Amino acid sequence: EFDELGRLQRTCNGEVAVNKCEGACSSQVQPSVITPTGFLKECYCCRESFLRERIITLTNCFDPDGGRLRGSDSETMNVKLREPAECRCFKCGEFSR
């Protein structure tokens, strides 16, 4: 975190479990006389279809010299992140945002 002049005020970190999309989707390749490669490919990839915003609290905060911050409002930091709430198979190259 930086102040209004761009000087480092504190850094914070922590371990947080975050959802992710992974899995197998049905894809196929078939011969084609129409396409330049000679094959028609239909590839599907597992991607997020809906993201939700979540606020996490980082509890390991340090001053610019690396000293642990304790007993003040600066000892924790709330951060917003967006993570997958739903996943589905999309045609590869098409992304939901």
PDB file of N, CA and C in Angstrom:
ATOM      1  N   GLU A   1       0.855  -1.172   0.000  1.00  0.00           N
ATOM      2  CA  GLU A   1       0.000   0.000   0.000  1.00  0.00           C
ATOM      3  C   GLU A   1       0.900   1.233   0.000  1.00  0.00           C
ATOM      4  N   PHE A   2       0.518   2.230  -0.803  1.00  0.00           N
ATOM      5  CA  PHE A   2       1.320   3.441  -0.951  1.00  0.00           C
ATOM      6  C   PHE A   2       0.546   4.659  -0.467  1.00  0.00           C
ATOM      7  N   ASP A   3       1.271   5.683  -0.039  1.00  0.00           N
ATOM      8  CA  ASP A   3       0.612   6.928   0.358  1.00  0.00           C
ATOM      9  C   ASP A   3       0.373   7.788  -0.879  1.00  0.00           C
ATOM     10  N   GLU A   4      -0.180   8.989  -0.678  1.00  0.00           N
ATOM     11  CA  GLU A   4      -0.535   9.866  -1.798  1.00  0.00           C
ATOM     12  C   GLU A   4       0.681  10.335  -2.596  1.00  0.00           C
ATOM     13  N   LEU A   5       1.880  10.225  -2.035  1.00  0.00           N
ATOM     14  CA  LEU A   5       3.104  10.611  -2.740  1.00  0.00           C
ATOM     15  C   LEU A   5       3.802   9.417  -3.387  1.00  0.00           C
ATOM     16  N   GLY A   6       3.178   8.249  -3.284  1.00  0.00           N
ATOM     17  CA  GLY A   6       3.738   7.061  -3.909  1.00  0.00           C
ATOM     18  C   GLY A   6       4.765   6.327  -3.068  1.00  0.00           C
ATOM     19  N   ARG A   7       4.866   6.675  -1.792  1.00  0.00           N
ATOM     20  CA  ARG A   7       5.821   5.997  -0.904  1.00  0.00           C
ATOM     21  C   ARG A   7       5.172   4.757  -0.299  1.00  0.00           C
ATOM     22  N   LEU A   8       5.951   3.697  -0.222  1.00  0.00           N
ATOM     23  CA  LEU A   8       5.453   2.452   0.356  1.00  0.00           C
ATOM     24  C   LEU A   8       5.143   2.650   1.835  1.00  0.00           C
ATOM     25  N   GLN A   9       3.924   2.285   2.241  1.00  0.00           N
ATOM     26  CA  GLN A   9       3.512   2.386   3.638  1.00  0.00           C
ATOM     27  C   GLN A   9       3.515   1.024   4.327  1.00  0.00           C
ATOM     28  N   ARG A  10       3.038   0.012   3.605  1.00  0.00           N
ATOM     29  CA  ARG A  10       3.001  -1.339   4.165  1.00  0.00           C
ATOM     30  C   ARG A  10       2.791  -2.352   3.051  1.00  0.00           C
ATOM     31  N   THR A  11       3.195  -3.566   3.326  1.00  0.00           N
ATOM     32  CA  THR A  11       2.892  -4.701   2.461  1.00  0.00           C
ATOM     33  C   THR A  11       2.178  -5.737   3.314  1.00  0.00           C
ATOM     34  N   CYS A  12       1.254  -6.440   2.701  1.00  0.00           N
ATOM     35  CA  CYS A  12       0.498  -7.461   3.424  1.00  0.00           C
ATOM     36  C   CYS A  12       0.415  -8.718   2.568  1.00  0.00           C
ATOM     37  N   ASN A  13       0.366  -9.869   3.236  1.00  0.00           N
ATOM     38  CA  ASN A  13       0.191 -11.125   2.519  1.00  0.00           C
ATOM     39  C   ASN A  13      -0.575 -12.102   3.386  1.00  0.00           C
ATOM     40  N   GLY A  14      -0.927 -13.200   2.796  1.00  0.00           N
ATOM     41  CA  GLY A  14      -1.641 -14.246   3.510  1.00  0.00           C
ATOM     42  C   GLY A  14      -1.989 -15.364   2.557  1.00  0.00           C
ATOM     43  N   GLU A  15      -2.430 -16.478   3.102  1.00  0.00           N
ATOM     44  CA  GLU A  15      -2.864 -17.603   2.285  1.00  0.00           C
ATOM     45  C   GLU A  15      -4.379 -17.627   2.262  1.00  0.00           C
ATOM     46  N   VAL A  16      -4.927 -17.695   1.044  1.00  0.00           N
ATOM     47  CA  VAL A  16      -6.371 -17.659   0.865  1.00  0.00           C
ATOM     48  C   VAL A  16      -6.760 -18.720  -0.159  1.00  0.00           C
ATOM     49  N   ALA A  17      -7.763 -19.511   0.140  1.00  0.00           N
ATOM     50  CA  ALA A  17      -8.293 -20.471  -0.829  1.00  0.00           C
ATOM     51  C   ALA A  17      -9.191 -19.720  -1.805  1.00  0.00           C
ATOM     52  N   VAL A  18      -8.939 -19.900  -3.092  1.00  0.00           N
ATOM     53  CA  VAL A  18      -9.698 -19.206  -4.133  1.00  0.00           C
ATOM     54  C   VAL A  18     -10.237 -20.246  -5.109  1.00  0.00           C
ATOM     55  N   ASN A  19     -11.491 -20.091  -5.509  1.00  0.00           N
ATOM     56  CA  ASN A  19     -12.091 -21.006  -6.479  1.00  0.00           C
ATOM     57  C   ASN A  19     -11.422 -20.851  -7.836  1.00  0.00           C
ATOM     58  N   LYS A  20     -11.389 -21.951  -8.602  1.00  0.00           N
ATOM     59  CA  LYS A  20     -10.890 -21.896  -9.974  1.00  0.00           C
ATOM     60  C   LYS A  20     -11.701 -22.864 -10.818  1.00  0.00           C
ATOM     61  N   CYS A  21     -11.673 -22.648 -12.112  1.00  0.00           N
ATOM     62  CA  CYS A  21     -12.368 -23.536 -13.036  1.00  0.00           C
ATOM     63  C   CYS A  21     -11.364 -24.486 -13.661  1.00  0.00           C
ATOM     64  N   GLU A  22     -11.684 -25.764 -13.623  1.00  0.00           N
ATOM     65  CA  GLU A  22     -10.874 -26.760 -14.310  1.00  0.00           C
ATOM     66  C   GLU A  22     -11.742 -27.976 -14.561  1.00  0.00           C
ATOM     67  N   GLY A  23     -11.390 -28.713 -15.577  1.00  0.00           N
ATOM     68  CA  GLY A  23     -12.154 -29.911 -15.880  1.00  0.00           C
ATOM     69  C   GLY A  23     -12.084 -30.228 -17.354  1.00  0.00           C
ATOM     70  N   ALA A  24     -12.696 -31.320 -17.730  1.00  0.00           N
ATOM     71  CA  ALA A  24     -12.669 -31.781 -19.115  1.00  0.00           C
ATOM     72  C   ALA A  24     -13.953 -31.380 -19.824  1.00  0.00           C
ATOM     73  N   CYS A  25     -13.795 -30.930 -21.051  1.00  0.00           N
ATOM     74  CA  CYS A  25     -14.932 -30.590 -21.894  1.00  0.00           C
ATOM     75  C   CYS A  25     -14.840 -31.420 -23.169  1.00  0.00           C
ATOM     76  N   SER A  26     -15.972 -31.751 -23.726  1.00  0.00           N
ATOM     77  CA  SER A  26     -16.013 -32.558 -24.940  1.00  0.00           C
ATOM     78  C   SER A  26     -15.539 -31.737 -26.137  1.00  0.00           C
ATOM     79  N   SER A  27     -14.573 -32.259 -26.882  1.00  0.00           N
ATOM     80  CA  SER A  27     -14.068 -31.630 -28.102  1.00  0.00           C
ATOM     81  C   SER A  27     -13.972 -32.708 -29.167  1.00  0.00           C
ATOM     82  N   GLN A  28     -13.949 -32.272 -30.436  1.00  0.00           N
ATOM     83  CA  GLN A  28     -13.845 -33.262 -31.503  1.00  0.00           C
ATOM     84  C   GLN A  28     -13.142 -32.686 -32.719  1.00  0.00           C
ATOM     85  N   VAL A  29     -12.578 -33.586 -33.522  1.00  0.00           N
ATOM     86  CA  VAL A  29     -11.949 -33.241 -34.793  1.00  0.00           C
ATOM     87  C   VAL A  29     -12.515 -34.200 -35.832  1.00  0.00           C
ATOM     88  N   GLN A  30     -12.920 -33.635 -36.979  1.00  0.00           N
ATOM     89  CA  GLN A  30     -13.426 -34.502 -38.039  1.00  0.00           C
ATOM     90  C   GLN A  30     -12.881 -34.040 -39.384  1.00  0.00           C
ATOM     91  N   PRO A  31     -12.714 -34.951 -40.324  1.00  0.00           N
ATOM     92  CA  PRO A  31     -12.226 -34.567 -41.651  1.00  0.00           C
ATOM     93  C   PRO A  31     -13.194 -33.602 -42.330  1.00  0.00           C
ATOM     94  N   SER A  32     -12.631 -32.689 -43.135  1.00  0.00           N
ATOM     95  CA  SER A  32     -13.457 -31.704 -43.826  1.00  0.00           C
ATOM     96  C   SER A  32     -12.804 -31.331 -45.151  1.00  0.00           C
ATOM     97  N   VAL A  33     -13.590 -31.287 -46.208  1.00  0.00           N
ATOM     98  CA  VAL A  33     -13.072 -30.842 -47.505  1.00  0.00           C
ATOM     99  C   VAL A  33     -13.201 -29.333 -47.656  1.00  0.00           C
ATOM    100  N   ILE A  34     -13.871 -28.683 -46.703  1.00  0.00           N
ATOM    101  CA  ILE A  34     -14.114 -27.237 -46.776  1.00  0.00           C
ATOM    102  C   ILE A  34     -12.991 -26.433 -46.126  1.00  0.00           C
ATOM    103  N   THR A  35     -12.419 -26.921 -45.051  1.00  0.00           N
ATOM    104  CA  THR A  35     -11.411 -26.150 -44.307  1.00  0.00           C
ATOM    105  C   THR A  35     -10.023 -26.329 -44.919  1.00  0.00           C
ATOM    106  N   PRO A  36      -9.168 -25.277 -44.839  1.00  0.00           N
ATOM    107  CA  PRO A  36      -7.815 -25.343 -45.421  1.00  0.00           C
ATOM    108  C   PRO A  36      -6.945 -26.446 -44.816  1.00  0.00           C
ATOM    109  N   THR A  37      -7.139 -26.756 -43.544  1.00  0.00           N
ATOM    110  CA  THR A  37      -6.308 -27.775 -42.886  1.00  0.00           C
ATOM    111  C   THR A  37      -6.775 -29.193 -43.192  1.00  0.00           C
ATOM    112  N   GLY A  38      -7.994 -29.319 -43.709  1.00  0.00           N
ATOM    113  CA  GLY A  38      -8.539 -30.644 -43.970  1.00  0.00           C
ATOM    114  C   GLY A  38      -9.277 -31.241 -42.787  1.00  0.00           C
ATOM    115  N   PHE A  39      -9.341 -30.468 -41.701  1.00  0.00           N
ATOM    116  CA  PHE A  39     -10.040 -30.940 -40.501  1.00  0.00           C
ATOM    117  C   PHE A  39     -10.921 -29.832 -39.940  1.00  0.00           C
ATOM    118  N   LEU A  40     -12.049 -30.213 -39.428  1.00  0.00           N
ATOM    119  CA  LEU A  40     -12.930 -29.293 -38.720  1.00  0.00           C
ATOM    120  C   LEU A  40     -12.763 -29.580 -37.238  1.00  0.00           C
ATOM    121  N   LYS A  41     -12.313 -28.575 -36.496  1.00  0.00           N
ATOM    122  CA  LYS A  41     -12.052 -28.763 -35.065  1.00  0.00           C
ATOM    123  C   LYS A  41     -13.119 -28.041 -34.253  1.00  0.00           C
ATOM    124  N   GLU A  42     -13.661 -28.734 -33.296  1.00  0.00           N
ATOM    125  CA  GLU A  42     -14.582 -28.135 -32.331  1.00  0.00           C
ATOM    126  C   GLU A  42     -13.995 -28.374 -30.953  1.00  0.00           C
ATOM    127  N   CYS A  43     -13.347 -27.359 -30.435  1.00  0.00           N
ATOM    128  CA  CYS A  43     -12.685 -27.469 -29.132  1.00  0.00           C
ATOM    129  C   CYS A  43     -13.474 -26.688 -28.090  1.00  0.00           C
ATOM    130  N   TYR A  44     -13.647 -27.273 -26.929  1.00  0.00           N
ATOM    131  CA  TYR A  44     -14.336 -26.615 -25.821  1.00  0.00           C
ATOM    132  C   TYR A  44     -13.433 -26.609 -24.596  1.00  0.00           C
ATOM    133  N   CYS A  45     -13.443 -25.491 -23.886  1.00  0.00           N
ATOM    134  CA  CYS A  45     -12.574 -25.291 -22.726  1.00  0.00           C
ATOM    135  C   CYS A  45     -13.408 -24.914 -21.505  1.00  0.00           C
ATOM    136  N   CYS A  46     -12.999 -25.395 -20.344  1.00  0.00           N
ATOM    137  CA  CYS A  46     -13.667 -25.072 -19.085  1.00  0.00           C
ATOM    138  C   CYS A  46     -13.247 -23.674 -18.643  1.00  0.00           C
ATOM    139  N   ARG A  47     -14.226 -22.777 -18.493  1.00  0.00           N
ATOM    140  CA  ARG A  47     -13.960 -21.394 -18.106  1.00  0.00           C
ATOM    141  C   ARG A  47     -15.034 -20.924 -17.130  1.00  0.00           C
ATOM    142  N   GLU A  48     -14.752 -19.811 -16.466  1.00  0.00           N
ATOM    143  CA  GLU A  48     -15.738 -19.241 -15.557  1.00  0.00           C
ATOM    144  C   GLU A  48     -16.897 -18.649 -16.357  1.00  0.00           C
ATOM    145  N   SER A  49     -18.111 -18.899 -15.899  1.00  0.00           N
ATOM    146  CA  SER A  49     -19.290 -18.307 -16.526  1.00  0.00           C
ATOM    147  C   SER A  49     -19.870 -17.208 -15.646  1.00  0.00           C
ATOM    148  N   PHE A  50     -19.447 -17.166 -14.395  1.00  0.00           N
ATOM    149  CA  PHE A  50     -19.895 -16.106 -13.486  1.00  0.00           C
ATOM    150  C   PHE A  50     -18.818 -15.875 -12.439  1.00  0.00           C
ATOM    151  N   LEU A  51     -18.468 -14.609 -12.234  1.00  0.00           N
ATOM    152  CA  LEU A  51     -17.495 -14.237 -11.206  1.00  0.00           C
ATOM    153  C   LEU A  51     -18.213 -13.547 -10.063  1.00  0.00           C
ATOM    154  N   ARG A  52     -17.779 -13.800  -8.856  1.00  0.00           N
ATOM    155  CA  ARG A  52     -18.341 -13.085  -7.706  1.00  0.00           C
ATOM    156  C   ARG A  52     -17.213 -12.318  -7.025  1.00  0.00           C
ATOM    157  N   GLU A  53     -17.592 -11.215  -6.427  1.00  0.00           N
ATOM    158  CA  GLU A  53     -16.621 -10.407  -5.691  1.00  0.00           C
ATOM    159  C   GLU A  53     -16.607 -10.863  -4.245  1.00  0.00           C
ATOM    160  N   ARG A  54     -15.416 -10.966  -3.702  1.00  0.00           N
ATOM    161  CA  ARG A  54     -15.258 -11.400  -2.316  1.00  0.00           C
ATOM    162  C   ARG A  54     -14.233 -10.506  -1.639  1.00  0.00           C
ATOM    163  N   ILE A  55     -14.455 -10.202  -0.385  1.00  0.00           N
ATOM    164  CA  ILE A  55     -13.487  -9.416   0.382  1.00  0.00           C
ATOM    165  C   ILE A  55     -12.734 -10.375   1.293  1.00  0.00           C
ATOM    166  N   ILE A  56     -11.416 -10.340   1.177  1.00  0.00           N
ATOM    167  CA  ILE A  56     -10.575 -11.174   2.032  1.00  0.00           C
ATOM    168  C   ILE A  56      -9.747 -10.274   2.934  1.00  0.00           C
ATOM    169  N   THR A  57      -9.344 -10.798   4.072  1.00  0.00           N
ATOM    170  CA  THR A  57      -8.517 -10.044   5.013  1.00  0.00           C
ATOM    171  C   THR A  57      -7.126 -10.655   5.064  1.00  0.00           C
ATOM    172  N   LEU A  58      -6.129  -9.833   4.733  1.00  0.00           N
ATOM    173  CA  LEU A  58      -4.731 -10.246   4.847  1.00  0.00           C
ATOM    174  C   LEU A  58      -4.253  -9.869   6.237  1.00  0.00           C
ATOM    175  N   THR A  59      -3.653 -10.822   6.939  1.00  0.00           N
ATOM    176  CA  THR A  59      -3.322 -10.598   8.351  1.00  0.00           C
ATOM    177  C   THR A  59      -1.830 -10.471   8.626  1.00  0.00           C
ATOM    178  N   ASN A  60      -0.999 -10.641   7.620  1.00  0.00           N
ATOM    179  CA  ASN A  60       0.448 -10.501   7.798  1.00  0.00           C
ATOM    180  C   ASN A  60       0.898  -9.209   7.135  1.00  0.00           C
ATOM    181  N   CYS A  61       0.944  -8.125   7.894  1.00  0.00           N
ATOM    182  CA  CYS A  61       1.313  -6.827   7.333  1.00  0.00           C
ATOM    183  C   CYS A  61       2.633  -6.343   7.926  1.00  0.00           C
ATOM    184  N   PHE A  62       3.408  -5.676   7.071  1.00  0.00           N
ATOM    185  CA  PHE A  62       4.759  -5.245   7.441  1.00  0.00           C
ATOM    186  C   PHE A  62       4.993  -3.802   7.014  1.00  0.00           C
ATOM    187  N   ASP A  63       5.814  -3.092   7.784  1.00  0.00           N
ATOM    188  CA  ASP A  63       6.185  -1.724   7.414  1.00  0.00           C
ATOM    189  C   ASP A  63       7.246  -1.784   6.308  1.00  0.00           C
ATOM    190  N   PRO A  64       7.632  -0.625   5.738  1.00  0.00           N
ATOM    191  CA  PRO A  64       8.602  -0.626   4.640  1.00  0.00           C
ATOM    192  C   PRO A  64       9.950  -1.263   4.991  1.00  0.00           C
ATOM    193  N   ASP A  65      10.295  -1.322   6.279  1.00  0.00           N
ATOM    194  CA  ASP A  65      11.560  -1.930   6.696  1.00  0.00           C
ATOM    195  C   ASP A  65      11.431  -3.424   6.990  1.00  0.00           C
ATOM    196  N   GLY A  66      10.220  -3.976   6.822  1.00  0.00           N
ATOM    197  CA  GLY A  66      10.012  -5.398   7.053  1.00  0.00           C
ATOM    198  C   GLY A  66       9.548  -5.745   8.448  1.00  0.00           C
ATOM    199  N   GLY A  67       9.325  -4.735   9.296  1.00  0.00           N
ATOM    200  CA  GLY A  67       8.848  -4.988  10.656  1.00  0.00           C
ATOM    201  C   GLY A  67       7.369  -5.319  10.668  1.00  0.00           C
ATOM    202  N   ARG A  68       6.999  -6.311  11.450  1.00  0.00           N
ATOM    203  CA  ARG A  68       5.599  -6.734  11.551  1.00  0.00           C
ATOM    204  C   ARG A  68       4.774  -5.644  12.214  1.00  0.00           C
ATOM    205  N   LEU A  69       3.628  -5.303  11.621  1.00  0.00           N
ATOM    206  CA  LEU A  69       2.723  -4.307  12.197  1.00  0.00           C
ATOM    207  C   LEU A  69       1.768  -5.013  13.148  1.00  0.00           C
ATOM    208  N   ARG A  70       1.702  -4.525  14.379  1.00  0.00           N
ATOM    209  CA  ARG A  70       0.829  -5.120  15.398  1.00  0.00           C
ATOM    210  C   ARG A  70       0.148  -4.011  16.195  1.00  0.00           C
ATOM    211  N   GLY A  71      -1.071  -4.316  16.632  1.00  0.00           N
ATOM    212  CA  GLY A  71      -1.773  -3.422  17.541  1.00  0.00           C
ATOM    213  C   GLY A  71      -2.216  -2.102  16.945  1.00  0.00           C
ATOM    214  N   SER A  72      -2.460  -2.070  15.645  1.00  0.00           N
ATOM    215  CA  SER A  72      -2.955  -0.838  15.025  1.00  0.00           C
ATOM    216  C   SER A  72      -3.907  -1.205  13.897  1.00  0.00           C
ATOM    217  N   ASP A  73      -4.524  -0.190  13.305  1.00  0.00           N
ATOM    218  CA  ASP A  73      -5.412  -0.432  12.165  1.00  0.00           C
ATOM    219  C   ASP A  73      -4.640  -0.947  10.953  1.00  0.00           C
ATOM    220  N   SER A  74      -3.325  -0.789  10.964  1.00  0.00           N
ATOM    221  CA  SER A  74      -2.491  -1.187   9.828  1.00  0.00           C
ATOM    222  C   SER A  74      -2.077  -2.652   9.860  1.00  0.00           C
ATOM    223  N   GLU A  75      -2.457  -3.407  10.904  1.00  0.00           N
ATOM    224  CA  GLU A  75      -1.983  -4.792  11.000  1.00  0.00           C
ATOM    225  C   GLU A  75      -2.751  -5.752  10.103  1.00  0.00           C
ATOM    226  N   THR A  76      -3.897  -5.327   9.558  1.00  0.00           N
ATOM    227  CA  THR A  76      -4.634  -6.144   8.585  1.00  0.00           C
ATOM    228  C   THR A  76      -5.023  -5.274   7.394  1.00  0.00           C
ATOM    229  N   MET A  77      -5.291  -5.930   6.264  1.00  0.00           N
ATOM    230  CA  MET A  77      -5.720  -5.212   5.064  1.00  0.00           C
ATOM    231  C   MET A  77      -6.831  -6.003   4.389  1.00  0.00           C
ATOM    232  N   ASN A  78      -7.931  -5.324   4.068  1.00  0.00           N
ATOM    233  CA  ASN A  78      -9.014  -5.943   3.314  1.00  0.00           C
ATOM    234  C   ASN A  78      -8.789  -5.701   1.827  1.00  0.00           C
ATOM    235  N   VAL A  79      -8.937  -6.765   1.054  1.00  0.00           N
ATOM    236  CA  VAL A  79      -8.714  -6.704  -0.387  1.00  0.00           C
ATOM    237  C   VAL A  79      -9.911  -7.334  -1.088  1.00  0.00           C
ATOM    238  N   LYS A  80     -10.388  -6.691  -2.177  1.00  0.00           N
ATOM    239  CA  LYS A  80     -11.466  -7.261  -2.983  1.00  0.00           C
ATOM    240  C   LYS A  80     -10.851  -8.110  -4.080  1.00  0.00           C
ATOM    241  N   LEU A  81     -11.424  -9.286  -4.286  1.00  0.00           N
ATOM    242  CA  LEU A  81     -11.005 -10.091  -5.424  1.00  0.00           C
ATOM    243  C   LEU A  81     -12.229 -10.693  -6.084  1.00  0.00           C
ATOM    244  N   ARG A  82     -12.068 -11.036  -7.345  1.00  0.00           N
ATOM    245  CA  ARG A  82     -13.145 -11.692  -8.091  1.00  0.00           C
ATOM    246  C   ARG A  82     -12.708 -13.121  -8.369  1.00  0.00           C
ATOM    247  N   GLU A  83     -13.597 -14.044  -8.063  1.00  0.00           N
ATOM    248  CA  GLU A  83     -13.286 -15.455  -8.263  1.00  0.00           C
ATOM    249  C   GLU A  83     -14.459 -16.141  -8.953  1.00  0.00           C
ATOM    250  N   PRO A  84     -14.196 -17.264  -9.630  1.00  0.00           N
ATOM    251  CA  PRO A  84     -15.280 -17.983 -10.298  1.00  0.00           C
ATOM    252  C   PRO A  84     -16.315 -18.487  -9.298  1.00  0.00           C
ATOM    253  N   ALA A  85     -17.583 -18.264  -9.629  1.00  0.00           N
ATOM    254  CA  ALA A  85     -18.681 -18.807  -8.837  1.00  0.00           C
ATOM    255  C   ALA A  85     -19.370 -19.933  -9.606  1.00  0.00           C
ATOM    256  N   GLU A  86     -19.242 -19.899 -10.941  1.00  0.00           N
ATOM    257  CA  GLU A  86     -19.799 -20.945 -11.799  1.00  0.00           C
ATOM    258  C   GLU A  86     -18.846 -21.170 -12.964  1.00  0.00           C
ATOM    259  N   CYS A  87     -18.785 -22.403 -13.430  1.00  0.00           N
ATOM    260  CA  CYS A  87     -17.935 -22.755 -14.570  1.00  0.00           C
ATOM    261  C   CYS A  87     -18.770 -23.513 -15.595  1.00  0.00           C
ATOM    262  N   ARG A  88     -18.360 -23.413 -16.877  1.00  0.00           N
ATOM    263  CA  ARG A  88     -18.997 -24.219 -17.915  1.00  0.00           C
ATOM    264  C   ARG A  88     -18.063 -24.327 -19.109  1.00  0.00           C
ATOM    265  N   CYS A  89     -18.416 -25.165 -20.045  1.00  0.00           N
ATOM    266  CA  CYS A  89     -17.603 -25.362 -21.249  1.00  0.00           C
ATOM    267  C   CYS A  89     -17.965 -24.311 -22.290  1.00  0.00           C
ATOM    268  N   PHE A  90     -16.948 -23.598 -22.771  1.00  0.00           N
ATOM    269  CA  PHE A  90     -17.099 -22.607 -23.830  1.00  0.00           C
ATOM    270  C   PHE A  90     -16.298 -23.063 -25.031  1.00  0.00           C
ATOM    271  N   LYS A  91     -16.725 -22.654 -26.213  1.00  0.00           N
ATOM    272  CA  LYS A  91     -15.910 -22.900 -27.395  1.00  0.00           C
ATOM    273  C   LYS A  91     -14.577 -22.205 -27.176  1.00  0.00           C
ATOM    274  N   CYS A  92     -13.480 -22.896 -27.394  1.00  0.00           N
ATOM    275  CA  CYS A  92     -12.153 -22.328 -27.137  1.00  0.00           C
ATOM    276  C   CYS A  92     -11.979 -21.036 -27.934  1.00  0.00           C
ATOM    277  N   GLY A  93     -11.439 -20.031 -27.287  1.00  0.00           N
ATOM    278  CA  GLY A  93     -11.255 -18.723 -27.914  1.00  0.00           C
ATOM    279  C   GLY A  93     -12.377 -17.756 -27.591  1.00  0.00           C
ATOM    280  N   GLU A  94     -13.512 -18.241 -27.131  1.00  0.00           N
ATOM    281  CA  GLU A  94     -14.620 -17.381 -26.706  1.00  0.00           C
ATOM    282  C   GLU A  94     -14.580 -17.294 -25.193  1.00  0.00           C
ATOM    283  N   PHE A  95     -14.586 -16.068 -24.678  1.00  0.00           N
ATOM    284  CA  PHE A  95     -14.447 -15.893 -23.236  1.00  0.00           C
ATOM    285  C   PHE A  95     -15.614 -15.098 -22.689  1.00  0.00           C
ATOM    286  N   SER A  96     -16.069 -15.474 -21.519  1.00  0.00           N
ATOM    287  CA  SER A  96     -17.110 -14.697 -20.833  1.00  0.00           C
ATOM    288  C   SER A  96     -16.430 -13.731 -19.896  1.00  0.00           C
ATOM    289  N   ARG A  97     -16.835 -12.508 -19.893  1.00  0.00           N
ATOM    290  CA  ARG A  97     -16.278 -11.499 -18.978  1.00  0.00           C
ATOM    291  C   ARG A  97     -17.380 -10.565 -18.572  1.00  0.00           C
TER     292      ARG A  97
END
